[in-house]
Amino acid sequence: MIHNRIDARAVAMLVLLCAIWGLAQVAIKVSTAEIPPVLLAAIRSLGAGLLVLAWSRGALFQNDGTLAQGVAAGLLFSLEFVVLFRALQLASASHTVLFLYTSPVFVAVGTHVFVPGERLRRGHVLGLACAIAGVAIAFADVLQLPSQREVEGDALALLAAVIWAATTVLIKAGRLARIDPAKTLFY
């Protein structure tokens, strides 16, 4: 009986987490009307960093030779959010989310190129083609001439997806994938 309550609680927490993540881009879009994107990204990252620092219990300070790679991952992550927050100022949240979540396509290609043993096979390529077709279909009903501002926002959202993918590939290709997850998250 206790096990079922724990499962129900875990499911409730995951639903809450997904709701928070789902509302994140809308909250960013509303916030950037009053707060500059870089400051907003810095506040968000500082808060998250403090929580990870408290959670890690000292694992962050072990000398394991990952500092340079970790700093690179952190800089890419920061750049992603600066670009994303600017995209949200220019384009709709729905467009931005769709373009941002093309990141797995770029991760698949990047890991194929940079991570030994991660190879794209025919089924993977077919799946990626379906994903790209899905994005195209999602935009098919709004193929009117967008404003220059919307085009810039969409392009920035796509760039944020590429940067997110680069961060993921950097982590998977290097030592960061094999260290304490709290430390990777903190970077």
N, C-alpha and C. Protein backbone atom coordinates (compact mmCIF):
# COMPACT_ATOMS: atom_id res chain seq x y z
N MET A 1 0.82 -1.19 0.00
CA MET A 1 0.00 0.00 0.00
C MET A 1 0.86 1.26 0.00
N ILE A 2 1.92 1.28 0.80
CA ILE A 2 2.80 2.44 0.84
C ILE A 2 3.46 2.67 -0.52
N HIS A 3 3.84 1.58 -1.17
CA HIS A 3 4.49 1.69 -2.47
C HIS A 3 3.58 2.42 -3.46
N ASN A 4 2.29 2.13 -3.45
CA ASN A 4 1.35 2.79 -4.35
C ASN A 4 1.25 4.28 -4.05
N ARG A 5 1.29 4.67 -2.79
CA ARG A 5 1.26 6.09 -2.44
C ARG A 5 2.50 6.81 -2.94
N ILE A 6 3.64 6.16 -2.82
CA ILE A 6 4.88 6.76 -3.30
C ILE A 6 4.80 6.94 -4.81
N ASP A 7 4.30 5.93 -5.52
CA ASP A 7 4.15 6.05 -6.96
C ASP A 7 3.20 7.18 -7.33
N ALA A 8 2.09 7.28 -6.61
CA ALA A 8 1.12 8.35 -6.90
C ALA A 8 1.76 9.72 -6.64
N ARG A 9 2.54 9.83 -5.58
CA ARG A 9 3.22 11.08 -5.30
C ARG A 9 4.25 11.41 -6.38
N ALA A 10 4.98 10.38 -6.82
CA ALA A 10 5.97 10.59 -7.86
C ALA A 10 5.30 11.04 -9.15
N VAL A 11 4.19 10.43 -9.48
CA VAL A 11 3.46 10.82 -10.69
C VAL A 11 2.97 12.26 -10.56
N ALA A 12 2.44 12.61 -9.40
CA ALA A 12 1.96 13.98 -9.18
C ALA A 12 3.11 14.98 -9.30
N MET A 13 4.28 14.63 -8.79
CA MET A 13 5.43 15.52 -8.88
C MET A 13 5.88 15.67 -10.34
N LEU A 14 5.87 14.58 -11.08
CA LEU A 14 6.25 14.66 -12.49
C LEU A 14 5.27 15.50 -13.30
N VAL A 15 3.98 15.37 -12.99
CA VAL A 15 2.98 16.19 -13.67
C VAL A 15 3.20 17.66 -13.34
N LEU A 16 3.47 17.97 -12.08
CA LEU A 16 3.74 19.34 -11.68
C LEU A 16 5.00 19.86 -12.38
N LEU A 17 6.05 19.04 -12.42
CA LEU A 17 7.28 19.44 -13.09
C LEU A 17 7.03 19.73 -14.58
N CYS A 18 6.28 18.88 -15.23
CA CYS A 18 5.97 19.09 -16.65
C CYS A 18 5.14 20.36 -16.85
N ALA A 19 4.23 20.64 -15.94
CA ALA A 19 3.44 21.87 -16.03
C ALA A 19 4.34 23.09 -15.87
N ILE A 20 5.27 23.03 -14.94
CA ILE A 20 6.20 24.15 -14.74
C ILE A 20 7.05 24.34 -15.99
N TRP A 21 7.59 23.25 -16.52
CA TRP A 21 8.40 23.35 -17.73
C TRP A 21 7.57 23.87 -18.90
N GLY A 22 6.33 23.43 -18.98
CA GLY A 22 5.46 23.86 -20.07
C GLY A 22 5.14 25.34 -20.03
N LEU A 23 5.11 25.90 -18.84
CA LEU A 23 4.81 27.32 -18.68
C LEU A 23 6.05 28.19 -18.71
N ALA A 24 7.22 27.60 -18.72
CA ALA A 24 8.47 28.36 -18.61
C ALA A 24 8.63 29.38 -19.73
N GLN A 25 8.41 28.97 -20.98
CA GLN A 25 8.61 29.91 -22.08
C GLN A 25 7.59 31.05 -22.03
N VAL A 26 6.38 30.75 -21.61
CA VAL A 26 5.36 31.81 -21.47
C VAL A 26 5.79 32.79 -20.39
N ALA A 27 6.26 32.27 -19.27
CA ALA A 27 6.73 33.14 -18.18
C ALA A 27 7.92 33.98 -18.63
N ILE A 28 8.83 33.39 -19.38
CA ILE A 28 9.98 34.13 -19.90
C ILE A 28 9.51 35.25 -20.82
N LYS A 29 8.58 34.91 -21.71
CA LYS A 29 8.08 35.90 -22.68
C LYS A 29 7.47 37.09 -21.95
N VAL A 30 6.68 36.82 -20.93
CA VAL A 30 6.05 37.89 -20.17
C VAL A 30 7.10 38.69 -19.41
N SER A 31 8.06 38.01 -18.82
CA SER A 31 9.09 38.67 -18.00
C SER A 31 10.02 39.55 -18.80
N THR A 32 10.37 39.11 -20.01
CA THR A 32 11.34 39.88 -20.79
C THR A 32 10.77 41.21 -21.27
N ALA A 33 9.48 41.42 -21.10
CA ALA A 33 8.90 42.72 -21.42
C ALA A 33 9.40 43.78 -20.43
N GLU A 34 9.76 43.34 -19.22
CA GLU A 34 10.19 44.26 -18.17
C GLU A 34 11.64 44.07 -17.73
N ILE A 35 12.15 42.86 -17.88
CA ILE A 35 13.50 42.54 -17.40
C ILE A 35 14.36 42.15 -18.60
N PRO A 36 15.55 42.73 -18.75
CA PRO A 36 16.42 42.36 -19.88
C PRO A 36 16.72 40.85 -19.88
N PRO A 37 16.77 40.23 -21.07
CA PRO A 37 16.95 38.79 -21.16
C PRO A 37 18.20 38.26 -20.46
N VAL A 38 19.31 38.96 -20.57
CA VAL A 38 20.54 38.47 -19.94
C VAL A 38 20.40 38.49 -18.42
N LEU A 39 19.81 39.54 -17.87
CA LEU A 39 19.59 39.60 -16.43
C LEU A 39 18.64 38.50 -15.97
N LEU A 40 17.58 38.28 -16.73
CA LEU A 40 16.61 37.23 -16.40
C LEU A 40 17.29 35.86 -16.42
N ALA A 41 18.10 35.60 -17.44
CA ALA A 41 18.82 34.33 -17.53
C ALA A 41 19.79 34.18 -16.36
N ALA A 42 20.46 35.27 -15.99
CA ALA A 42 21.42 35.22 -14.87
C ALA A 42 20.71 34.92 -13.55
N ILE A 43 19.57 35.56 -13.33
CA ILE A 43 18.81 35.32 -12.09
C ILE A 43 18.36 33.87 -12.03
N ARG A 44 17.85 33.36 -13.16
CA ARG A 44 17.38 31.98 -13.23
C ARG A 44 18.53 31.01 -12.94
N SER A 45 19.67 31.24 -13.56
CA SER A 45 20.81 30.34 -13.38
C SER A 45 21.40 30.43 -11.99
N LEU A 46 21.44 31.62 -11.42
CA LEU A 46 21.97 31.77 -10.06
C LEU A 46 21.10 31.01 -9.07
N GLY A 47 19.80 31.15 -9.20
CA GLY A 47 18.88 30.42 -8.31
C GLY A 47 19.04 28.91 -8.45
N ALA A 48 19.10 28.44 -9.69
CA ALA A 48 19.26 27.01 -9.93
C ALA A 48 20.62 26.53 -9.43
N GLY A 49 21.65 27.33 -9.66
CA GLY A 49 23.00 26.96 -9.21
C GLY A 49 23.09 26.82 -7.70
N LEU A 50 22.44 27.72 -6.99
CA LEU A 50 22.43 27.62 -5.52
C LEU A 50 21.72 26.36 -5.04
N LEU A 51 20.62 26.00 -5.71
CA LEU A 51 19.91 24.77 -5.34
C LEU A 51 20.77 23.53 -5.62
N VAL A 52 21.46 23.50 -6.75
CA VAL A 52 22.32 22.36 -7.07
C VAL A 52 23.50 22.30 -6.11
N LEU A 53 24.05 23.46 -5.77
CA LEU A 53 25.15 23.51 -4.81
C LEU A 53 24.72 22.90 -3.47
N ALA A 54 23.54 23.25 -3.00
CA ALA A 54 23.03 22.70 -1.74
C ALA A 54 22.78 21.19 -1.86
N TRP A 55 22.32 20.76 -3.00
CA TRP A 55 21.98 19.35 -3.23
C TRP A 55 23.22 18.47 -3.39
N SER A 56 24.30 19.02 -3.90
CA SER A 56 25.46 18.22 -4.30
C SER A 56 26.29 17.67 -3.16
N ARG A 57 26.22 18.29 -2.01
CA ARG A 57 26.97 17.84 -0.84
C ARG A 57 28.47 17.70 -1.10
N GLY A 58 29.06 18.69 -1.74
CA GLY A 58 30.51 18.70 -1.90
C GLY A 58 31.04 18.04 -3.16
N ALA A 59 30.21 17.34 -3.91
CA ALA A 59 30.69 16.65 -5.11
C ALA A 59 31.23 17.62 -6.16
N LEU A 60 30.85 18.88 -6.07
CA LEU A 60 31.26 19.86 -7.07
C LEU A 60 32.74 20.21 -6.98
N PHE A 61 33.34 19.97 -5.84
CA PHE A 61 34.69 20.46 -5.62
C PHE A 61 35.76 19.39 -5.74
N GLN A 62 35.41 18.23 -6.29
CA GLN A 62 36.39 17.18 -6.51
C GLN A 62 37.16 17.49 -7.79
N ASN A 63 38.48 17.38 -7.72
CA ASN A 63 39.33 17.64 -8.89
C ASN A 63 39.33 16.39 -9.77
N ASP A 64 38.60 16.45 -10.87
CA ASP A 64 38.49 15.29 -11.75
C ASP A 64 38.86 15.61 -13.19
N GLY A 65 39.48 16.78 -13.43
CA GLY A 65 39.92 17.13 -14.76
C GLY A 65 38.83 17.57 -15.72
N THR A 66 37.67 17.93 -15.19
CA THR A 66 36.56 18.31 -16.08
C THR A 66 36.28 19.81 -16.09
N LEU A 67 37.10 20.59 -15.43
CA LEU A 67 36.82 22.02 -15.30
C LEU A 67 36.68 22.72 -16.66
N ALA A 68 37.63 22.53 -17.56
CA ALA A 68 37.57 23.22 -18.85
C ALA A 68 36.33 22.81 -19.64
N GLN A 69 36.06 21.52 -19.68
CA GLN A 69 34.87 21.04 -20.38
C GLN A 69 33.61 21.54 -19.69
N GLY A 70 33.61 21.56 -18.38
CA GLY A 70 32.46 22.03 -17.63
C GLY A 70 32.19 23.50 -17.85
N VAL A 71 33.25 24.30 -17.88
CA VAL A 71 33.09 25.73 -18.15
C VAL A 71 32.54 25.94 -19.57
N ALA A 72 33.06 25.15 -20.53
CA ALA A 72 32.55 25.25 -21.91
C ALA A 72 31.07 24.90 -21.96
N ALA A 73 30.67 23.85 -21.26
CA ALA A 73 29.26 23.46 -21.23
C ALA A 73 28.42 24.56 -20.57
N GLY A 74 28.93 25.13 -19.50
CA GLY A 74 28.22 26.22 -18.82
C GLY A 74 28.06 27.44 -19.70
N LEU A 75 29.11 27.77 -20.43
CA LEU A 75 29.03 28.93 -21.34
C LEU A 75 28.03 28.67 -22.47
N LEU A 76 28.05 27.46 -23.02
CA LEU A 76 27.07 27.12 -24.06
C LEU A 76 25.65 27.20 -23.51
N PHE A 77 25.45 26.65 -22.32
CA PHE A 77 24.13 26.67 -21.69
C PHE A 77 23.67 28.12 -21.48
N SER A 78 24.56 28.96 -21.00
CA SER A 78 24.22 30.37 -20.78
C SER A 78 23.87 31.05 -22.09
N LEU A 79 24.68 30.80 -23.11
CA LEU A 79 24.42 31.38 -24.42
C LEU A 79 23.06 30.93 -24.97
N GLU A 80 22.76 29.66 -24.78
CA GLU A 80 21.45 29.14 -25.22
C GLU A 80 20.31 29.94 -24.61
N PHE A 81 20.39 30.22 -23.33
CA PHE A 81 19.29 30.93 -22.68
C PHE A 81 19.24 32.40 -23.05
N VAL A 82 20.37 33.02 -23.26
CA VAL A 82 20.37 34.41 -23.73
C VAL A 82 19.70 34.48 -25.10
N VAL A 83 20.06 33.55 -25.99
CA VAL A 83 19.47 33.51 -27.33
C VAL A 83 17.98 33.18 -27.24
N LEU A 84 17.63 32.21 -26.41
CA LEU A 84 16.23 31.82 -26.24
C LEU A 84 15.39 32.98 -25.72
N PHE A 85 15.88 33.67 -24.72
CA PHE A 85 15.11 34.78 -24.13
C PHE A 85 14.92 35.89 -25.17
N ARG A 86 15.93 36.13 -25.99
CA ARG A 86 15.78 37.13 -27.05
C ARG A 86 14.77 36.65 -28.10
N ALA A 87 14.81 35.37 -28.43
CA ALA A 87 13.84 34.81 -29.39
C ALA A 87 12.42 35.01 -28.89
N LEU A 88 12.23 34.83 -27.60
CA LEU A 88 10.89 34.98 -27.02
C LEU A 88 10.41 36.43 -27.04
N GLN A 89 11.33 37.38 -27.11
CA GLN A 89 10.94 38.78 -27.24
C GLN A 89 10.43 39.07 -28.65
N LEU A 90 10.90 38.31 -29.63
CA LEU A 90 10.61 38.61 -31.03
C LEU A 90 9.50 37.74 -31.62
N ALA A 91 9.41 36.50 -31.19
CA ALA A 91 8.47 35.55 -31.79
C ALA A 91 7.47 35.07 -30.74
N SER A 92 6.47 34.38 -31.19
CA SER A 92 5.47 33.84 -30.26
C SER A 92 6.10 32.70 -29.45
N ALA A 93 5.55 32.49 -28.27
CA ALA A 93 6.04 31.40 -27.41
C ALA A 93 5.83 30.06 -28.10
N SER A 94 4.72 29.89 -28.82
CA SER A 94 4.46 28.60 -29.47
C SER A 94 5.49 28.31 -30.56
N HIS A 95 5.83 29.31 -31.38
CA HIS A 95 6.87 29.11 -32.39
C HIS A 95 8.20 28.80 -31.72
N THR A 96 8.52 29.56 -30.70
CA THR A 96 9.80 29.39 -30.03
C THR A 96 9.93 27.98 -29.45
N VAL A 97 8.88 27.50 -28.82
CA VAL A 97 8.92 26.16 -28.23
C VAL A 97 9.10 25.11 -29.32
N LEU A 98 8.35 25.23 -30.41
CA LEU A 98 8.50 24.25 -31.49
C LEU A 98 9.91 24.23 -32.06
N PHE A 99 10.47 25.39 -32.30
CA PHE A 99 11.83 25.43 -32.83
C PHE A 99 12.85 24.96 -31.80
N LEU A 100 12.68 25.35 -30.54
CA LEU A 100 13.62 24.94 -29.50
C LEU A 100 13.66 23.42 -29.37
N TYR A 101 12.50 22.80 -29.46
CA TYR A 101 12.44 21.35 -29.26
C TYR A 101 12.76 20.56 -30.54
N THR A 102 13.39 21.22 -31.50
CA THR A 102 14.03 20.48 -32.60
C THR A 102 15.43 20.05 -32.18
N SER A 103 15.85 20.44 -31.00
CA SER A 103 17.19 20.13 -30.51
C SER A 103 17.55 18.64 -30.60
N PRO A 104 16.65 17.70 -30.30
CA PRO A 104 17.03 16.29 -30.40
C PRO A 104 17.49 15.88 -31.81
N VAL A 105 16.98 16.53 -32.83
CA VAL A 105 17.45 16.24 -34.19
C VAL A 105 18.94 16.58 -34.29
N PHE A 106 19.30 17.75 -33.78
CA PHE A 106 20.71 18.18 -33.83
C PHE A 106 21.58 17.33 -32.91
N VAL A 107 21.02 16.89 -31.78
CA VAL A 107 21.76 16.00 -30.88
C VAL A 107 22.06 14.68 -31.60
N ALA A 108 21.07 14.13 -32.27
CA ALA A 108 21.26 12.85 -32.97
C ALA A 108 22.36 12.96 -34.02
N VAL A 109 22.35 14.03 -34.78
CA VAL A 109 23.38 14.22 -35.80
C VAL A 109 24.74 14.47 -35.13
N GLY A 110 24.75 15.30 -34.10
CA GLY A 110 26.01 15.60 -33.41
C GLY A 110 26.63 14.39 -32.74
N THR A 111 25.82 13.56 -32.10
CA THR A 111 26.38 12.37 -31.47
C THR A 111 26.87 11.38 -32.52
N HIS A 112 26.19 11.33 -33.65
CA HIS A 112 26.64 10.46 -34.74
C HIS A 112 28.06 10.85 -35.17
N VAL A 113 28.32 12.14 -35.21
CA VAL A 113 29.62 12.64 -35.68
C VAL A 113 30.67 12.59 -34.58
N PHE A 114 30.30 12.95 -33.34
CA PHE A 114 31.31 13.18 -32.30
C PHE A 114 31.40 12.13 -31.20
N VAL A 115 30.42 11.23 -31.07
CA VAL A 115 30.44 10.26 -29.98
C VAL A 115 30.61 8.86 -30.55
N PRO A 116 31.74 8.23 -30.25
CA PRO A 116 31.96 6.86 -30.76
C PRO A 116 30.84 5.92 -30.27
N GLY A 117 30.38 5.09 -31.16
CA GLY A 117 29.34 4.13 -30.81
C GLY A 117 27.93 4.65 -30.96
N GLU A 118 27.76 5.93 -31.19
CA GLU A 118 26.43 6.53 -31.38
C GLU A 118 26.23 6.73 -32.88
N ARG A 119 25.69 5.77 -33.53
CA ARG A 119 25.54 5.83 -34.98
C ARG A 119 24.06 5.91 -35.35
N LEU A 120 23.78 6.73 -36.34
CA LEU A 120 22.42 6.81 -36.88
C LEU A 120 22.23 5.64 -37.85
N ARG A 121 21.17 4.92 -37.63
CA ARG A 121 20.81 3.84 -38.53
C ARG A 121 19.58 4.25 -39.32
N ARG A 122 19.18 3.43 -40.25
CA ARG A 122 18.06 3.75 -41.13
C ARG A 122 16.80 4.14 -40.34
N GLY A 123 16.48 3.39 -39.31
CA GLY A 123 15.29 3.70 -38.49
C GLY A 123 15.40 5.05 -37.80
N HIS A 124 16.60 5.37 -37.34
CA HIS A 124 16.82 6.66 -36.70
C HIS A 124 16.62 7.80 -37.69
N VAL A 125 17.18 7.64 -38.88
CA VAL A 125 17.05 8.67 -39.91
C VAL A 125 15.59 8.85 -40.28
N LEU A 126 14.85 7.74 -40.39
CA LEU A 126 13.42 7.82 -40.69
C LEU A 126 12.68 8.57 -39.57
N GLY A 127 13.02 8.27 -38.33
CA GLY A 127 12.40 8.97 -37.20
C GLY A 127 12.71 10.46 -37.21
N LEU A 128 13.94 10.81 -37.52
CA LEU A 128 14.32 12.23 -37.60
C LEU A 128 13.57 12.92 -38.73
N ALA A 129 13.44 12.24 -39.86
CA ALA A 129 12.69 12.81 -40.98
C ALA A 129 11.23 13.05 -40.59
N CYS A 130 10.65 12.11 -39.85
CA CYS A 130 9.27 12.29 -39.37
C CYS A 130 9.18 13.49 -38.42
N ALA A 131 10.17 13.64 -37.56
CA ALA A 131 10.17 14.77 -36.62
C ALA A 131 10.24 16.10 -37.37
N ILE A 132 11.11 16.16 -38.35
CA ILE A 132 11.24 17.40 -39.15
C ILE A 132 9.95 17.66 -39.92
N ALA A 133 9.36 16.60 -40.47
CA ALA A 133 8.09 16.75 -41.19
C ALA A 133 7.00 17.23 -40.23
N GLY A 134 7.02 16.75 -39.01
CA GLY A 134 6.05 17.19 -38.01
C GLY A 134 6.15 18.68 -37.72
N VAL A 135 7.37 19.18 -37.61
CA VAL A 135 7.57 20.62 -37.40
C VAL A 135 7.05 21.39 -38.61
N ALA A 136 7.35 20.90 -39.81
CA ALA A 136 6.88 21.57 -41.03
C ALA A 136 5.35 21.59 -41.07
N ILE A 137 4.72 20.48 -40.72
CA ILE A 137 3.25 20.42 -40.70
C ILE A 137 2.69 21.37 -39.66
N ALA A 138 3.35 21.46 -38.51
CA ALA A 138 2.87 22.36 -37.45
C ALA A 138 2.86 23.81 -37.92
N PHE A 139 3.78 24.15 -38.82
CA PHE A 139 3.84 25.52 -39.32
C PHE A 139 3.09 25.73 -40.63
N ALA A 140 2.56 24.66 -41.21
CA ALA A 140 1.92 24.74 -42.53
C ALA A 140 0.74 25.71 -42.54
N ASP A 141 0.00 25.79 -41.45
CA ASP A 141 -1.18 26.67 -41.45
C ASP A 141 -0.82 28.14 -41.23
N VAL A 142 0.41 28.43 -40.92
CA VAL A 142 0.80 29.82 -40.70
C VAL A 142 1.90 30.25 -41.67
N LEU A 143 1.83 29.73 -42.88
CA LEU A 143 2.87 30.05 -43.84
C LEU A 143 2.62 31.36 -44.57
N GLN A 144 1.87 32.27 -43.93
CA GLN A 144 1.75 33.60 -44.51
C GLN A 144 3.10 34.28 -44.35
N LEU A 145 3.23 35.42 -44.96
CA LEU A 145 4.49 36.13 -44.83
C LEU A 145 4.65 36.66 -43.41
N PRO A 146 5.59 36.10 -42.65
CA PRO A 146 5.81 36.60 -41.30
C PRO A 146 6.56 37.92 -41.33
N SER A 147 6.46 38.63 -40.23
CA SER A 147 7.21 39.88 -40.14
C SER A 147 8.69 39.58 -39.97
N GLN A 148 9.52 40.56 -40.26
CA GLN A 148 10.97 40.41 -40.08
C GLN A 148 11.28 40.05 -38.63
N ARG A 149 10.56 40.64 -37.71
CA ARG A 149 10.74 40.38 -36.28
C ARG A 149 10.47 38.91 -35.96
N GLU A 150 9.39 38.35 -36.52
CA GLU A 150 9.06 36.94 -36.27
C GLU A 150 10.10 36.01 -36.88
N VAL A 151 10.57 36.34 -38.07
CA VAL A 151 11.61 35.52 -38.72
C VAL A 151 12.88 35.53 -37.86
N GLU A 152 13.26 36.69 -37.36
CA GLU A 152 14.45 36.77 -36.50
C GLU A 152 14.25 35.96 -35.23
N GLY A 153 13.07 36.05 -34.62
CA GLY A 153 12.78 35.28 -33.41
C GLY A 153 12.82 33.79 -33.66
N ASP A 154 12.22 33.36 -34.78
CA ASP A 154 12.23 31.93 -35.11
C ASP A 154 13.66 31.45 -35.36
N ALA A 155 14.45 32.26 -36.05
CA ALA A 155 15.84 31.90 -36.33
C ALA A 155 16.63 31.79 -35.02
N LEU A 156 16.39 32.71 -34.11
CA LEU A 156 17.07 32.66 -32.81
C LEU A 156 16.64 31.43 -32.01
N ALA A 157 15.37 31.07 -32.08
CA ALA A 157 14.89 29.87 -31.38
C ALA A 157 15.57 28.63 -31.95
N LEU A 158 15.73 28.58 -33.26
CA LEU A 158 16.42 27.46 -33.89
C LEU A 158 17.89 27.45 -33.49
N LEU A 159 18.50 28.63 -33.42
CA LEU A 159 19.89 28.72 -32.96
C LEU A 159 20.00 28.23 -31.51
N ALA A 160 19.04 28.58 -30.66
CA ALA A 160 19.04 28.09 -29.27
C ALA A 160 18.98 26.57 -29.25
N ALA A 161 18.19 25.97 -30.15
CA ALA A 161 18.12 24.51 -30.23
C ALA A 161 19.47 23.91 -30.61
N VAL A 162 20.15 24.54 -31.55
CA VAL A 162 21.47 24.06 -31.97
C VAL A 162 22.47 24.18 -30.82
N ILE A 163 22.42 25.29 -30.08
CA ILE A 163 23.33 25.47 -28.94
C ILE A 163 23.03 24.45 -27.84
N TRP A 164 21.74 24.20 -27.59
CA TRP A 164 21.35 23.19 -26.60
C TRP A 164 21.91 21.84 -27.03
N ALA A 165 21.78 21.51 -28.31
CA ALA A 165 22.31 20.25 -28.82
C ALA A 165 23.82 20.19 -28.66
N ALA A 166 24.50 21.30 -28.95
CA ALA A 166 25.96 21.33 -28.80
C ALA A 166 26.37 21.07 -27.36
N THR A 167 25.62 21.62 -26.42
CA THR A 167 25.90 21.38 -25.00
C THR A 167 25.74 19.90 -24.68
N THR A 168 24.66 19.31 -25.16
CA THR A 168 24.39 17.89 -24.90
C THR A 168 25.48 17.01 -25.51
N VAL A 169 25.87 17.31 -26.74
CA VAL A 169 26.91 16.52 -27.42
C VAL A 169 28.25 16.68 -26.69
N LEU A 170 28.56 17.89 -26.27
CA LEU A 170 29.80 18.11 -25.51
C LEU A 170 29.82 17.25 -24.25
N ILE A 171 28.70 17.19 -23.55
CA ILE A 171 28.62 16.39 -22.33
C ILE A 171 28.76 14.90 -22.66
N LYS A 172 28.02 14.43 -23.68
CA LYS A 172 28.06 13.01 -24.03
C LYS A 172 29.41 12.58 -24.58
N ALA A 173 30.09 13.47 -25.29
CA ALA A 173 31.35 13.10 -25.94
C ALA A 173 32.54 13.13 -24.99
N GLY A 174 32.40 13.79 -23.87
CA GLY A 174 33.56 13.96 -22.99
C GLY A 174 33.39 13.30 -21.64
N ARG A 175 34.19 13.75 -20.73
CA ARG A 175 34.24 13.18 -19.38
C ARG A 175 33.04 13.58 -18.53
N LEU A 176 32.32 14.62 -18.93
CA LEU A 176 31.20 15.08 -18.12
C LEU A 176 30.09 14.04 -18.01
N ALA A 177 30.02 13.13 -18.96
CA ALA A 177 29.00 12.08 -18.92
C ALA A 177 29.34 11.02 -17.88
N ARG A 178 30.56 11.02 -17.39
CA ARG A 178 31.00 9.97 -16.48
C ARG A 178 31.34 10.46 -15.08
N ILE A 179 30.90 11.67 -14.73
CA ILE A 179 31.17 12.19 -13.39
C ILE A 179 29.84 12.30 -12.63
N ASP A 180 29.92 12.74 -11.40
CA ASP A 180 28.73 12.90 -10.57
C ASP A 180 27.73 13.80 -11.31
N PRO A 181 26.50 13.34 -11.48
CA PRO A 181 25.50 14.13 -12.23
C PRO A 181 25.26 15.52 -11.65
N ALA A 182 25.42 15.67 -10.35
CA ALA A 182 25.24 16.99 -9.74
C ALA A 182 26.28 17.97 -10.27
N LYS A 183 27.49 17.49 -10.46
CA LYS A 183 28.55 18.36 -10.96
C LYS A 183 28.30 18.73 -12.41
N THR A 184 27.87 17.77 -13.22
CA THR A 184 27.53 18.06 -14.62
C THR A 184 26.40 19.08 -14.67
N LEU A 185 25.39 18.89 -13.85
CA LEU A 185 24.26 19.81 -13.81
C LEU A 185 24.70 21.21 -13.38
N PHE A 186 25.59 21.28 -12.41
CA PHE A 186 26.08 22.57 -11.94
C PHE A 186 26.85 23.30 -13.02
N TYR A 187 27.68 22.58 -13.76
CA TYR A 187 28.40 23.22 -14.87
C TYR A 187 27.41 23.82 -15.83
